[in-house]
Amino acid sequence: MPLSIINSFASWVLKQRIHQIELFLKYPNEVQEELLHNLLTASENTVIGKKYEFSSINSYQTFAERVPIATYEELQPLIERTRLGEQNVFWESPIKWFAKSSGTTNAKSKFIPVSNEALEDCHYKGSKDLLCLYLNNNEDSELFLGKSLRLGGSSQIYENNNTFFGDLSAILIENMPIWAEFSSTPSSKTSLMSEWETKIAAIINETKNENVTSFAGVPSWMLVLMNKVLENTGKQSLLELWPNLEVYFHGGVSFSPYREQYKKLLPSKDFRYYEIYNASEGFFAIQDLNNSSDLLLMLDYGIFYEFIPMDTFGTPNQKVVRLADVELNKNYAIVITTNSGLWRYLIGDTVRFTSLNPYRIRVTGRTKHHINVFGEELMVENTDQAIAKACQVTQTEVIDYTVAPIFMHDKEKGAHEWMIEFKKDPADVGLFQKVLDETLQTLNSDYEAKRYNNMTLNPLVVNVARENLFYDWLKERDKLGGQHKIPRLSNQRDYLEQLKEMC
């Protein structure tokens, strides 16, 4: 069958989903209420369902009063029971897959349950919807005339007590539908290679002669691969090697600090970027418009959403609101109840709503990865935007960064200390530092108040990292590739001190 027919047919099939998406756009809160009811009904006879008497819960208010907000540590005993072979603990259907995740920095691994329902109705549905929305916005797309170059985790699947665990990407590849395998490169065998540097070489060797039309992966690691591809092939841009490239689907970390570097590697005004928001716990949101930074919250993936305003988070006055009660431009911690049996689970991410009709969000950071030592409430979204602005003004590029507080000592005021690795060092580090500080003040009024006349905070301090510092730090901790990320912000100095020792 000619590729043009395959492309047209695949596009037609995927776009049939638009009508279902329009349903939750029109009735978002009703869709969420019905979803919660279905989750409770499905789990009435589980261990957790009997404990909280799901059978008698007939409203959101009762659900919120009866079932507590839970962290991973609080759910871990139930998860361990299932990992040891017991079923019907927190979800009705058998769970044999667990996404192993250590998050950004935790040494202790988490094992996130992944049910068959979550695979089909959340993760794979999200992947198809991403293509559906992209194709709906770009009628001229020839995406399926070629393949998507995917860059996922670096881990094989391990078996234990008849259950299996590994990176989420490994689980998805292991269970991948035929249509997805057919349209992807490299092969599953190469995608799941465990040694990062060997894997990169294998990916380049396997893909450089393919007709690649799209990329999918985490921006920081994809950038490493792209630069290696150019180094290997001697090309000046990726479009020389793959002339039919049209889109990069990205997620995992903010794209803001990397956008200009990608434009140099992909020098075409017609090339598109589409962002997603997914994690081991689920697929949450998708960019649904061209040239947008807002993500449409997907409401029919078997995930019921609640939100904790960050101004009350972790305090005695902490409150939880459902989707119908969120407000614009306010930072919230996300709480999810899922079709994998995570009940009112605090995933650790923070978002703000940029639209309430439809519900669109931007990811602003992590509940643990912000700086609020001096009341400045600095979020990753702020620092990413400030980095991008400072790079633009000073004509430089950043590979990675992290920030920590300088604590007040004796009569010395506090400050923020940065470790930044540049691809191209700024000609004037002082100017970069000045633009960075001033931009943060324009983006964050709390930070501006603390910086006013150096009242609480002195000017920020920038350390220029040696080449490959962050790469070496991750390599030393066996965290190269995949979903592993540098912790951007911290209220403590542990990561910064470790980096300074290696600098």
Protein backbone atom coordinates (compact mmCIF):
# COMPACT_ATOMS: atom_id res chain seq x y z
CA MET A 1 0.00 0.00 0.00
CA PRO A 2 1.48 3.43 -0.95
CA LEU A 3 2.67 5.52 2.00
CA SER A 4 0.45 8.43 0.91
CA ILE A 5 -2.65 6.27 1.37
CA ILE A 6 -1.41 5.06 4.75
CA ASN A 7 -0.80 8.69 5.78
CA SER A 8 -4.30 9.75 4.70
CA PHE A 9 -5.99 6.78 6.35
CA ALA A 10 -4.07 7.15 9.64
CA SER A 11 -4.92 10.86 9.74
CA TRP A 12 -8.62 10.14 9.12
CA VAL A 13 -8.78 7.45 11.83
CA LEU A 14 -7.07 9.61 14.46
CA LYS A 15 -9.24 12.65 13.77
CA GLN A 16 -12.43 10.69 14.53
CA ARG A 17 -11.59 11.22 18.21
CA ILE A 18 -12.21 14.98 17.89
CA HIS A 19 -15.94 14.50 18.53
CA GLN A 20 -15.28 12.80 21.90
CA ILE A 21 -12.84 15.55 22.89
CA GLU A 22 -15.49 18.13 22.07
CA LEU A 23 -17.83 16.38 24.52
CA PHE A 24 -15.59 16.95 27.55
CA LEU A 25 -14.82 20.46 26.31
CA LYS A 26 -18.55 21.19 26.43
CA TYR A 27 -19.33 19.37 29.70
CA PRO A 28 -16.00 19.24 31.60
CA ASN A 29 -17.28 19.15 35.16
CA GLU A 30 -20.03 16.64 34.38
CA VAL A 31 -17.50 14.34 32.68
CA GLN A 32 -15.27 14.52 35.76
CA GLU A 33 -18.14 13.84 38.19
CA GLU A 34 -19.24 10.79 36.18
CA LEU A 35 -15.65 9.56 36.01
CA LEU A 36 -15.29 9.76 39.81
CA HIS A 37 -18.53 7.81 40.23
CA ASN A 38 -17.26 5.11 37.84
CA LEU A 39 -13.91 4.82 39.63
CA LEU A 40 -15.63 4.42 43.00
CA THR A 41 -18.12 1.86 41.68
CA ALA A 42 -15.36 -0.17 40.03
CA SER A 43 -13.39 -0.34 43.29
CA GLU A 44 -16.17 -0.97 45.83
CA ASN A 45 -14.94 -4.48 46.64
CA THR A 46 -11.22 -3.74 46.84
CA VAL A 47 -9.38 -3.51 50.15
CA ILE A 48 -9.31 0.28 49.99
CA GLY A 49 -12.91 0.40 48.72
CA LYS A 50 -14.16 -1.51 51.74
CA LYS A 51 -12.01 0.52 54.13
CA TYR A 52 -13.56 3.81 53.02
CA GLU A 53 -16.97 2.32 52.12
CA PHE A 54 -16.94 3.42 48.50
CA SER A 55 -20.36 1.82 47.99
CA SER A 56 -22.00 4.53 50.10
CA ILE A 57 -20.17 7.51 48.58
CA ASN A 58 -22.64 9.37 46.38
CA SER A 59 -21.11 12.84 46.14
CA TYR A 60 -17.77 14.56 45.77
CA GLN A 61 -18.18 16.11 49.21
CA THR A 62 -18.46 12.67 50.86
CA PHE A 63 -15.49 11.41 48.85
CA ALA A 64 -13.36 14.37 49.94
CA GLU A 65 -14.37 14.00 53.60
CA ARG A 66 -13.83 10.25 53.76
CA VAL A 67 -10.72 9.56 51.65
CA PRO A 68 -7.51 11.32 52.78
CA ILE A 69 -4.94 13.00 50.54
CA ALA A 70 -2.05 10.53 50.17
CA THR A 71 1.66 10.69 49.36
CA TYR A 72 3.54 7.75 47.88
CA GLU A 73 4.90 6.83 51.29
CA GLU A 74 1.36 6.53 52.64
CA LEU A 75 0.21 4.35 49.72
CA GLN A 76 3.36 2.24 49.63
CA PRO A 77 2.16 -0.54 51.98
CA LEU A 78 -0.83 -1.23 49.70
CA ILE A 79 1.37 -1.06 46.60
CA GLU A 80 3.84 -3.53 48.13
CA ARG A 81 1.03 -6.00 48.79
CA THR A 82 0.19 -5.97 45.10
CA ARG A 83 3.83 -6.23 44.07
CA LEU A 84 4.03 -9.38 46.19
CA GLY A 85 1.15 -10.90 44.25
CA GLU A 86 -2.02 -9.90 46.12
CA GLN A 87 -4.73 -8.42 43.89
CA ASN A 88 -7.92 -6.41 44.38
CA VAL A 89 -6.12 -4.22 46.90
CA PHE A 90 -6.69 -0.74 45.43
CA TRP A 91 -7.99 -1.53 41.93
CA GLU A 92 -10.46 -4.12 40.67
CA SER A 93 -8.55 -5.62 37.73
CA PRO A 94 -5.19 -7.42 38.13
CA ILE A 95 -2.13 -5.15 38.16
CA LYS A 96 1.12 -6.70 37.03
CA TRP A 97 3.01 -3.65 35.75
CA PHE A 98 4.81 -1.10 37.93
CA ALA A 99 6.59 1.98 36.61
CA LYS A 100 9.79 2.33 38.58
CA SER A 101 10.48 5.97 39.25
CA SER A 102 12.95 7.68 41.52
CA GLY A 103 11.62 11.10 40.55
CA THR A 104 14.19 13.80 40.07
CA THR A 105 16.40 13.18 43.07
CA ASN A 106 15.03 10.58 45.47
CA ALA A 107 17.41 7.70 46.02
CA LYS A 108 14.54 5.46 47.06
CA SER A 109 12.61 4.07 44.12
CA LYS A 110 8.88 4.41 43.72
CA PHE A 111 6.81 1.70 42.08
CA ILE A 112 3.78 3.29 40.46
CA PRO A 113 1.01 0.79 39.59
CA VAL A 114 0.02 0.69 35.91
CA SER A 115 -3.24 -1.14 35.19
CA ASN A 116 -4.35 -2.39 31.78
CA GLU A 117 -7.02 0.33 31.87
CA ALA A 118 -4.35 2.98 32.41
CA LEU A 119 -2.27 1.65 29.54
CA GLU A 120 -5.16 1.65 27.09
CA ASP A 121 -7.43 4.47 28.29
CA CYS A 122 -4.75 6.88 29.50
CA HIS A 123 -1.20 6.44 28.18
CA TYR A 124 -1.93 5.10 24.69
CA LYS A 125 -5.09 7.19 24.38
CA GLY A 126 -3.00 10.26 25.21
CA SER A 127 -0.46 9.39 22.52
CA LYS A 128 -3.22 9.00 19.94
CA ASP A 129 -4.91 12.24 21.06
CA LEU A 130 -1.63 14.11 20.69
CA LEU A 131 -1.50 13.01 17.06
CA CYS A 132 -5.23 13.68 16.64
CA LEU A 133 -4.97 17.28 17.86
CA TYR A 134 -1.80 17.91 15.87
CA LEU A 135 -3.31 16.54 12.65
CA ASN A 136 -6.55 18.43 13.23
CA ASN A 137 -4.54 21.68 13.38
CA ASN A 138 -2.25 20.82 10.47
CA GLU A 139 -4.23 19.46 7.54
CA ASP A 140 -1.13 19.42 5.31
CA SER A 141 0.79 17.07 7.64
CA GLU A 142 2.65 14.14 6.09
CA LEU A 143 3.63 12.71 9.47
CA PHE A 144 2.95 9.09 8.52
CA LEU A 145 5.04 9.19 5.37
CA GLY A 146 7.97 8.71 7.74
CA LYS A 147 8.72 7.70 11.32
CA SER A 148 8.90 9.29 14.75
CA LEU A 149 12.32 9.21 16.39
CA ARG A 150 11.58 8.42 20.03
CA LEU A 151 13.99 8.84 22.91
CA GLY A 152 12.73 7.12 26.03
CA GLY A 153 14.14 5.58 29.18
CA SER A 154 17.07 3.24 29.40
CA SER A 155 15.85 0.23 31.28
CA GLN A 156 14.71 -3.30 30.68
CA ILE A 157 11.74 -4.96 32.35
CA TYR A 158 12.37 -6.96 35.52
CA GLU A 159 10.13 -9.68 36.95
CA ASN A 160 9.36 -10.20 40.61
CA ASN A 161 6.56 -12.38 42.09
CA ASN A 162 4.75 -12.51 38.76
CA THR A 163 4.78 -8.73 38.54
CA PHE A 164 6.98 -6.61 36.28
CA PHE A 165 8.70 -3.28 36.77
CA GLY A 166 10.84 -0.85 34.79
CA ASP A 167 10.79 2.66 33.32
CA LEU A 168 7.36 3.74 32.15
CA SER A 169 8.76 4.02 28.61
CA ALA A 170 9.94 0.41 28.81
CA ILE A 171 6.46 -0.72 29.92
CA LEU A 172 4.83 1.26 27.11
CA ILE A 173 7.21 -0.19 24.52
CA GLU A 174 6.69 -3.70 25.89
CA ASN A 175 2.91 -3.35 25.43
CA MET A 176 2.98 -1.07 22.40
CA PRO A 177 0.25 -1.52 19.78
CA ILE A 178 1.38 -2.52 16.29
CA TRP A 179 0.49 0.87 14.78
CA ALA A 180 2.86 2.66 17.17
CA GLU A 181 5.74 0.23 16.63
CA PHE A 182 5.36 0.49 12.86
CA SER A 183 5.59 4.29 12.91
CA SER A 184 8.52 4.58 15.37
CA THR A 185 12.28 4.40 15.23
CA PRO A 186 14.66 3.12 16.59
CA SER A 187 13.61 -0.46 17.23
CA SER A 188 12.33 -1.54 20.63
CA LYS A 189 15.60 -3.41 21.25
CA THR A 190 17.66 -0.26 20.73
CA SER A 191 15.18 1.97 22.60
CA LEU A 192 15.53 -0.18 25.71
CA MET A 193 19.32 -0.43 25.78
CA SER A 194 20.44 0.29 29.33
CA GLU A 195 23.84 1.93 28.77
CA TRP A 196 23.18 5.52 27.69
CA GLU A 197 26.31 6.29 25.67
CA THR A 198 26.19 2.97 23.77
CA LYS A 199 22.49 3.52 23.19
CA ILE A 200 23.03 6.99 21.64
CA ALA A 201 25.52 5.57 19.14
CA ALA A 202 23.09 2.75 18.27
CA ILE A 203 20.19 5.18 17.80
CA ILE A 204 22.23 7.34 15.42
CA ASN A 205 23.39 4.32 13.42
CA GLU A 206 19.84 2.97 13.15
CA THR A 207 17.99 6.21 12.37
CA LYS A 208 20.26 8.33 10.19
CA ASN A 209 19.10 6.59 7.01
CA GLU A 210 15.40 6.58 7.99
CA ASN A 211 12.83 9.11 6.80
CA VAL A 212 12.26 10.78 10.17
CA THR A 213 9.30 13.18 10.23
CA SER A 214 9.01 13.85 13.98
CA PHE A 215 10.83 13.65 17.30
CA ALA A 216 9.48 12.64 20.72
CA GLY A 217 11.35 12.93 24.02
CA VAL A 218 12.61 15.11 26.88
CA PRO A 219 14.18 18.38 25.56
CA SER A 220 17.41 18.22 27.56
CA TRP A 221 18.27 14.66 26.49
CA MET A 222 16.95 15.05 22.93
CA LEU A 223 19.28 18.02 22.54
CA VAL A 224 22.23 15.77 23.45
CA LEU A 225 21.15 13.25 20.81
CA MET A 226 20.62 15.91 18.14
CA ASN A 227 24.08 17.39 18.65
CA LYS A 228 25.61 13.91 18.50
CA VAL A 229 23.74 13.26 15.23
CA LEU A 230 25.21 16.40 13.64
CA GLU A 231 28.67 15.53 14.95
CA ASN A 232 28.39 12.00 13.51
CA THR A 233 27.01 12.97 10.10
CA GLY A 234 28.84 16.25 9.53
CA LYS A 235 25.56 18.03 8.74
CA GLN A 236 24.96 21.66 9.67
CA SER A 237 21.29 21.17 10.52
CA LEU A 238 18.97 18.24 11.15
CA LEU A 239 16.88 19.27 8.15
CA GLU A 240 19.81 18.39 5.89
CA LEU A 241 19.69 14.82 7.17
CA TRP A 242 15.91 14.53 7.56
CA PRO A 243 14.31 17.03 5.13
CA ASN A 244 10.75 15.92 5.93
CA LEU A 245 10.92 16.77 9.63
CA GLU A 246 7.83 18.71 10.71
CA VAL A 247 7.27 18.49 14.49
CA TYR A 248 8.87 17.81 17.86
CA PHE A 249 6.62 16.39 20.60
CA HIS A 250 8.25 17.22 23.92
CA GLY A 251 7.62 17.06 27.66
CA GLY A 252 9.28 16.29 30.98
CA VAL A 253 11.06 19.62 31.49
CA SER A 254 10.32 23.18 30.44
CA PHE A 255 11.16 23.95 26.84
CA SER A 256 11.86 27.65 27.48
CA PRO A 257 15.62 27.41 28.21
CA TYR A 258 16.19 25.27 25.10
CA ARG A 259 13.92 26.85 22.47
CA GLU A 260 16.58 29.00 20.76
CA GLN A 261 19.02 26.08 20.58
CA TYR A 262 16.39 23.97 18.84
CA LYS A 263 15.70 26.75 16.34
CA LYS A 264 19.37 26.64 15.32
CA LEU A 265 19.30 22.87 14.86
CA LEU A 266 15.97 23.04 13.01
CA PRO A 267 16.18 26.31 11.03
CA SER A 268 12.70 26.40 9.53
CA LYS A 269 9.86 28.78 10.38
CA ASP A 270 7.42 26.00 9.47
CA PHE A 271 8.79 23.48 11.98
CA ARG A 272 6.34 22.95 14.86
CA TYR A 273 6.69 22.18 18.55
CA TYR A 274 4.00 20.39 20.55
CA GLU A 275 4.18 19.94 24.32
CA ILE A 276 2.70 17.17 26.44
CA TYR A 277 2.38 16.67 30.18
CA ASN A 278 2.65 13.06 31.24
CA ALA A 279 4.27 11.03 34.00
CA SER A 280 4.43 7.51 35.39
CA GLU A 281 1.11 8.21 37.12
CA GLY A 282 -0.73 9.17 33.96
CA PHE A 283 -1.08 11.28 30.82
CA PHE A 284 -2.56 14.62 31.85
CA ALA A 285 -2.49 17.37 29.25
CA ILE A 286 -1.69 18.13 25.61
CA GLN A 287 -0.96 21.29 23.65
CA ASP A 288 -4.03 21.60 21.45
CA LEU A 289 -3.12 24.70 19.41
CA ASN A 290 -0.21 25.55 17.13
CA ASN A 291 2.35 27.98 18.57
CA SER A 292 0.95 27.82 22.10
CA SER A 293 2.44 27.21 25.53
CA ASP A 294 -0.89 26.21 27.07
CA LEU A 295 -1.89 22.58 27.56
CA LEU A 296 -5.44 21.26 27.35
CA LEU A 297 -6.30 19.22 30.46
CA MET A 298 -7.61 15.85 29.21
CA LEU A 299 -10.65 14.92 31.27
CA ASP A 300 -11.67 11.45 30.06
CA TYR A 301 -8.53 9.38 30.66
CA GLY A 302 -9.72 7.73 33.86
CA ILE A 303 -8.18 10.45 36.05
CA PHE A 304 -10.20 12.58 38.47
CA TYR A 305 -8.49 15.86 39.31
CA GLU A 306 -8.32 17.92 42.49
CA PHE A 307 -6.08 20.87 43.34
CA ILE A 308 -4.46 22.39 46.43
CA PRO A 309 -3.74 26.15 46.27
CA MET A 310 -0.02 26.52 46.91
CA ASP A 311 -0.60 29.44 49.27
CA THR A 312 -2.21 26.95 51.70
CA PHE A 313 -0.20 23.84 50.75
CA GLY A 314 1.28 22.02 53.74
CA THR A 315 -0.29 24.42 56.24
CA PRO A 316 -3.02 23.77 58.83
CA ASN A 317 -5.32 25.78 56.53
CA GLN A 318 -4.65 23.60 53.49
CA LYS A 319 -7.74 23.28 51.32
CA VAL A 320 -8.55 21.09 48.33
CA VAL A 321 -10.75 22.15 45.42
CA ARG A 322 -12.16 20.23 42.48
CA LEU A 323 -11.81 21.32 38.88
CA ALA A 324 -15.04 23.35 38.88
CA ASP A 325 -13.64 25.63 41.61
CA VAL A 326 -10.14 26.48 40.32
CA GLU A 327 -9.13 30.07 39.58
CA LEU A 328 -7.03 31.61 36.82
CA ASN A 329 -3.29 32.22 37.26
CA LYS A 330 -3.05 30.65 40.70
CA ASN A 331 -0.47 27.99 41.54
CA TYR A 332 -1.94 24.61 42.51
CA ALA A 333 -0.51 21.28 43.59
CA ILE A 334 -2.23 18.47 41.66
CA VAL A 335 -4.09 15.62 43.37
CA ILE A 336 -5.19 12.67 41.20
CA THR A 337 -7.47 9.65 41.56
CA THR A 338 -6.77 7.18 38.75
CA ASN A 339 -7.80 4.00 36.98
CA SER A 340 -4.66 2.39 38.38
CA GLY A 341 -5.93 2.72 41.94
CA LEU A 342 -4.10 5.86 43.09
CA TRP A 343 -6.64 7.48 45.42
CA ARG A 344 -6.28 11.23 46.05
CA TYR A 345 -2.60 10.92 45.28
CA LEU A 346 -0.32 13.96 45.54
CA ILE A 347 1.98 13.64 42.52
CA GLY A 348 4.23 16.56 43.45
CA ASP A 349 3.67 18.79 40.39
CA THR A 350 2.33 22.33 40.40
CA VAL A 351 0.29 24.00 37.65
CA ARG A 352 -1.61 27.19 37.00
CA PHE A 353 -4.70 27.60 34.85
CA THR A 354 -4.43 29.94 31.88
CA SER A 355 -8.01 29.26 30.72
CA LEU A 356 -11.17 27.94 32.38
CA ASN A 357 -13.17 27.38 29.19
CA PRO A 358 -11.67 25.08 28.14
CA TYR A 359 -9.42 24.11 31.05
CA ARG A 360 -5.86 24.84 29.96
CA ILE A 361 -2.80 24.75 32.19
CA ARG A 362 0.90 25.41 32.35
CA VAL A 363 3.22 23.32 34.50
CA THR A 364 4.95 25.66 36.94
CA GLY A 365 7.20 23.29 38.91
CA ARG A 366 7.25 20.81 41.75
CA THR A 367 5.91 21.07 45.30
CA LYS A 368 9.40 20.19 46.55
CA HIS A 369 11.31 22.12 43.91
CA HIS A 370 10.76 25.76 44.62
CA ILE A 371 12.54 28.27 46.83
CA ASN A 372 10.64 29.89 49.66
CA VAL A 373 13.30 30.35 52.32
CA PHE A 374 12.70 34.10 52.51
CA GLY A 375 9.04 34.27 51.44
CA GLU A 376 9.96 34.75 47.77
CA GLU A 377 7.87 31.80 46.42
CA LEU A 378 10.19 31.31 43.44
CA MET A 379 8.87 28.69 40.98
CA VAL A 380 10.63 26.81 38.18
CA GLU A 381 8.41 28.59 35.66
CA ASN A 382 9.94 31.90 36.82
CA THR A 383 13.54 30.75 36.59
CA ASP A 384 13.08 29.06 33.20
CA GLN A 385 11.62 32.25 31.72
CA ALA A 386 14.34 34.39 33.28
CA ILE A 387 17.07 32.11 31.92
CA ALA A 388 15.54 32.35 28.44
CA LYS A 389 15.47 36.17 28.64
CA ALA A 390 19.06 36.44 29.90
CA CYS A 391 20.24 34.11 27.11
CA GLN A 392 18.43 36.23 24.53
CA VAL A 393 19.95 39.50 25.76
CA THR A 394 23.51 38.14 26.09
CA GLN A 395 23.41 35.92 22.98
CA THR A 396 24.32 32.79 24.89
CA GLU A 397 22.96 29.28 25.49
CA VAL A 398 22.38 27.29 28.67
CA ILE A 399 22.68 23.50 28.97
CA ASP A 400 21.44 23.14 32.56
CA TYR A 401 21.19 24.92 35.88
CA THR A 402 20.24 24.60 39.53
CA VAL A 403 19.53 27.18 42.24
CA ALA A 404 19.82 27.10 46.02
CA PRO A 405 19.53 29.66 48.83
CA ILE A 406 22.42 31.34 50.57
CA PHE A 407 21.14 31.39 54.12
CA MET A 408 21.34 34.46 56.33
CA HIS A 409 24.39 34.34 58.58
CA ASP A 410 25.21 36.73 61.40
CA LYS A 411 24.40 40.12 59.83
CA GLU A 412 24.66 38.90 56.25
CA LYS A 413 21.48 38.92 54.20
CA GLY A 414 20.33 35.97 52.16
CA ALA A 415 20.61 35.44 48.40
CA HIS A 416 20.12 32.87 45.66
CA GLU A 417 23.14 31.02 44.32
CA TRP A 418 23.03 29.61 40.79
CA MET A 419 25.15 26.96 39.09
CA ILE A 420 24.80 27.33 35.32
CA GLU A 421 26.47 25.31 32.59
CA PHE A 422 26.63 27.25 29.34
CA LYS A 423 27.00 25.83 25.88
CA LYS A 424 28.35 29.21 24.96
CA ASP A 425 29.64 31.29 27.86
CA PRO A 426 28.34 34.89 28.01
CA ALA A 427 30.92 37.52 27.11
CA ASP A 428 29.83 39.41 30.22
CA VAL A 429 28.72 37.17 33.12
CA GLY A 430 27.86 40.27 35.13
CA LEU A 431 25.37 41.39 32.49
CA PHE A 432 23.83 37.92 32.35
CA GLN A 433 23.50 37.98 36.14
CA LYS A 434 21.91 41.45 36.07
CA VAL A 435 19.34 40.56 33.39
CA LEU A 436 18.53 37.31 35.18
CA ASP A 437 17.91 39.10 38.48
CA GLU A 438 15.87 41.93 36.96
CA THR A 439 13.73 39.54 34.91
CA LEU A 440 12.94 37.45 38.00
CA GLN A 441 11.73 40.60 39.70
CA THR A 442 9.38 41.42 36.82
CA LEU A 443 8.03 37.85 36.84
CA ASN A 444 7.62 37.36 40.59
CA SER A 445 6.34 40.15 42.85
CA ASP A 446 7.34 38.28 46.04
CA TYR A 447 10.93 37.99 44.82
CA GLU A 448 10.85 41.65 43.78
CA ALA A 449 9.70 42.69 47.27
CA LYS A 450 12.52 40.76 48.93
CA ARG A 451 15.05 42.25 46.51
CA TYR A 452 13.81 45.84 46.92
CA ASN A 453 16.82 47.88 48.09
CA ASN A 454 18.45 44.55 49.04
CA MET A 455 16.05 44.55 51.97
CA THR A 456 16.04 40.77 52.49
CA LEU A 457 17.89 39.34 49.52
CA ASN A 458 21.21 40.45 48.08
CA PRO A 459 21.71 40.19 44.28
CA LEU A 460 21.84 36.61 43.05
CA VAL A 461 25.19 34.88 42.52
CA VAL A 462 26.03 32.97 39.33
CA ASN A 463 28.66 30.22 39.23
CA VAL A 464 29.78 29.20 35.73
CA ALA A 465 29.97 25.41 35.67
CA ARG A 466 32.72 23.50 33.91
CA GLU A 467 31.90 21.59 30.73
CA ASN A 468 29.79 18.42 31.28
CA LEU A 469 29.35 19.09 35.01
CA PHE A 470 25.65 18.21 35.10
CA TYR A 471 26.15 15.23 32.79
CA ASP A 472 28.90 13.89 35.06
CA TRP A 473 26.75 14.49 38.16
CA LEU A 474 23.91 12.44 36.66
CA LYS A 475 26.27 9.76 35.36
CA GLU A 476 27.79 9.33 38.83
CA ARG A 477 24.27 8.64 40.11
CA ASP A 478 23.34 6.31 37.22
CA LYS A 479 20.71 8.78 35.99
CA LEU A 480 21.71 9.37 32.37
CA GLY A 481 18.92 9.60 29.80
CA GLY A 482 15.22 8.94 29.91
CA GLN A 483 13.13 10.99 32.32
CA HIS A 484 15.95 11.93 34.70
CA LYS A 485 16.21 15.65 35.37
CA ILE A 486 18.43 18.10 37.18
CA PRO A 487 16.62 19.50 40.26
CA ARG A 488 16.15 23.13 39.24
CA LEU A 489 15.27 24.68 42.61
CA SER A 490 15.77 23.56 46.18
CA ASN A 491 15.26 25.03 49.64
CA GLN A 492 18.46 23.25 50.69
CA ARG A 493 22.04 23.43 49.41
CA ASP A 494 22.76 19.68 49.04
CA TYR A 495 22.69 19.48 45.23
CA LEU A 496 24.54 22.74 44.75
CA GLU A 497 27.30 21.73 47.18
CA GLN A 498 27.71 18.37 45.43
CA LEU A 499 28.06 20.15 42.10
CA LYS A 500 30.53 22.68 43.50
CA GLU A 501 32.71 19.83 44.74
CA MET A 502 32.77 18.36 41.22
CA CYS A 503 33.22 21.70 39.46
